[in-house]
Protein backbone atom coordinates (compact mmCIF):
# COMPACT_ATOMS: atom_id res chain seq x y z
CA UNK A 1 98.81 102.52 93.32
CA UNK A 2 97.63 105.63 95.12
CA UNK A 3 96.02 103.51 97.82
CA UNK A 4 99.37 101.73 98.26
CA UNK A 5 101.07 105.11 98.64
CA UNK A 6 98.71 105.92 101.53
CA UNK A 7 98.98 102.53 103.30
CA UNK A 8 101.84 103.63 105.62
CA UNK A 9 99.47 106.22 107.12
CA UNK A 10 97.42 103.37 108.56
CA UNK A 11 100.40 102.48 110.75
CA UNK A 12 101.22 106.05 111.78
CA UNK A 13 97.94 107.96 112.17
CA UNK A 14 95.82 106.82 115.10
CA UNK A 15 92.47 107.67 113.47
CA UNK A 16 93.42 105.52 110.46
CA UNK A 17 94.41 102.57 112.67
CA UNK A 18 90.95 102.60 114.26
CA UNK A 19 89.18 102.22 110.90
CA UNK A 20 87.01 99.20 110.26
CA UNK A 21 86.88 97.20 107.02
CA UNK A 22 84.02 99.32 105.66
CA UNK A 23 86.03 102.49 106.19
CA UNK A 24 88.95 101.06 104.20
CA UNK A 25 86.61 100.49 101.27
CA UNK A 26 85.37 104.07 101.62
CA UNK A 27 88.95 105.32 101.77
CA UNK A 28 89.77 103.40 98.56
CA UNK A 29 86.70 104.83 96.79
CA UNK A 30 87.56 108.32 98.01
CA UNK A 31 91.11 108.00 96.68
CA UNK A 32 89.80 106.79 93.35
CA UNK A 33 87.43 109.76 93.11
CA UNK A 34 90.23 112.10 94.16
CA UNK A 35 92.43 110.67 91.41
CA UNK A 36 89.71 111.41 88.83
CA UNK A 37 89.40 115.00 89.99
CA UNK A 38 93.16 115.59 90.21
CA UNK A 39 93.60 114.13 86.72
CA UNK A 40 90.86 116.39 85.37
CA UNK A 41 92.34 119.42 87.15
CA UNK A 42 95.84 118.67 85.86
CA UNK A 43 94.70 118.15 82.29
CA UNK A 44 92.38 121.17 82.21
CA UNK A 45 94.92 123.52 83.76
CA UNK A 46 97.52 122.82 81.10
CA UNK A 47 99.54 120.50 83.34
CA UNK A 48 99.81 122.65 86.45
CA UNK A 49 101.30 120.57 89.26
CA UNK A 50 101.07 123.64 91.49
CA UNK A 51 97.28 123.80 91.09
CA UNK A 52 96.95 120.07 91.76
CA UNK A 53 99.19 120.33 94.84
CA UNK A 54 97.20 123.33 96.12
CA UNK A 55 93.92 121.42 95.70
CA UNK A 56 95.34 118.37 97.47
CA UNK A 57 96.78 120.49 100.27
CA UNK A 58 93.49 122.32 100.78
CA UNK A 59 91.60 119.03 100.78
CA UNK A 60 94.01 117.61 103.38
CA UNK A 61 93.67 120.74 105.49
CA UNK A 62 89.88 120.60 105.46
CA UNK A 63 89.34 116.87 105.82
CA UNK A 64 92.60 115.32 106.98
CA UNK A 65 93.62 117.44 109.94
CA UNK A 66 92.92 116.49 113.53
CA UNK A 67 90.02 118.94 113.71
CA UNK A 68 88.50 118.34 110.29
CA UNK A 69 88.91 114.57 109.97
CA UNK A 70 86.33 113.80 112.64
CA UNK A 71 83.72 116.41 111.81
CA UNK A 72 80.85 116.96 109.47
CA UNK A 73 83.06 119.15 107.26
CA UNK A 74 85.19 116.16 106.24
CA UNK A 75 82.09 114.13 105.39
CA UNK A 76 80.59 116.93 103.31
CA UNK A 77 83.83 117.69 101.45
CA UNK A 78 84.49 114.01 100.73
CA UNK A 79 80.92 113.54 99.51
CA UNK A 80 81.25 116.55 97.21
CA UNK A 81 84.52 115.15 95.80
CA UNK A 82 82.83 111.83 95.11
CA UNK A 83 79.83 113.50 93.46
CA UNK A 84 82.10 115.62 91.27
CA UNK A 85 84.15 112.57 90.24
CA UNK A 86 81.04 110.59 89.31
CA UNK A 87 79.72 113.57 87.34
CA UNK A 88 83.02 113.88 85.46
CA UNK A 89 82.99 110.18 84.62
CA UNK A 90 79.38 110.37 83.37
CA UNK A 91 80.26 113.41 81.23
CA UNK A 92 83.32 111.57 79.89
CA UNK A 93 81.26 108.54 78.92
CA UNK A 94 78.64 110.73 77.23
CA UNK A 95 81.34 112.61 75.31
CA UNK A 96 82.89 109.36 74.10
CA UNK A 97 79.53 107.97 73.05
CA UNK A 98 78.77 111.11 71.05
CA UNK A 99 82.23 111.38 69.51
CA UNK A 100 83.08 114.63 71.29
CA UNK A 101 86.41 115.66 72.83
CA UNK A 102 87.17 114.02 76.17
CA UNK A 103 86.14 115.70 79.40
CA UNK A 104 88.96 114.21 81.45
CA UNK A 105 91.65 114.68 78.80
CA UNK A 106 93.69 117.79 78.05
CA UNK A 107 91.77 120.88 76.98
């Protein structure tokens, strides 16, 4: 659903229109990882939409602006988001297997 929300950007933003098929797959994976992190942040902050919005806004500023979207900073930040999401998922699976409280759920 979140990917669908972002689809109109591909018609408006020139750098998105120039993406190849591989970049769309990367964009989808990045959105999925972002959703994991935003869910974790929301649940662990006691349901703070403000914190989630601040994180998303900072991420957009760093990696989605005209200056950041084409540089190494965007690649590094996106990679770190993906690594963090994978780590959270691994920790969640380990917690479930061991019968511990969820990592991604509310604190």
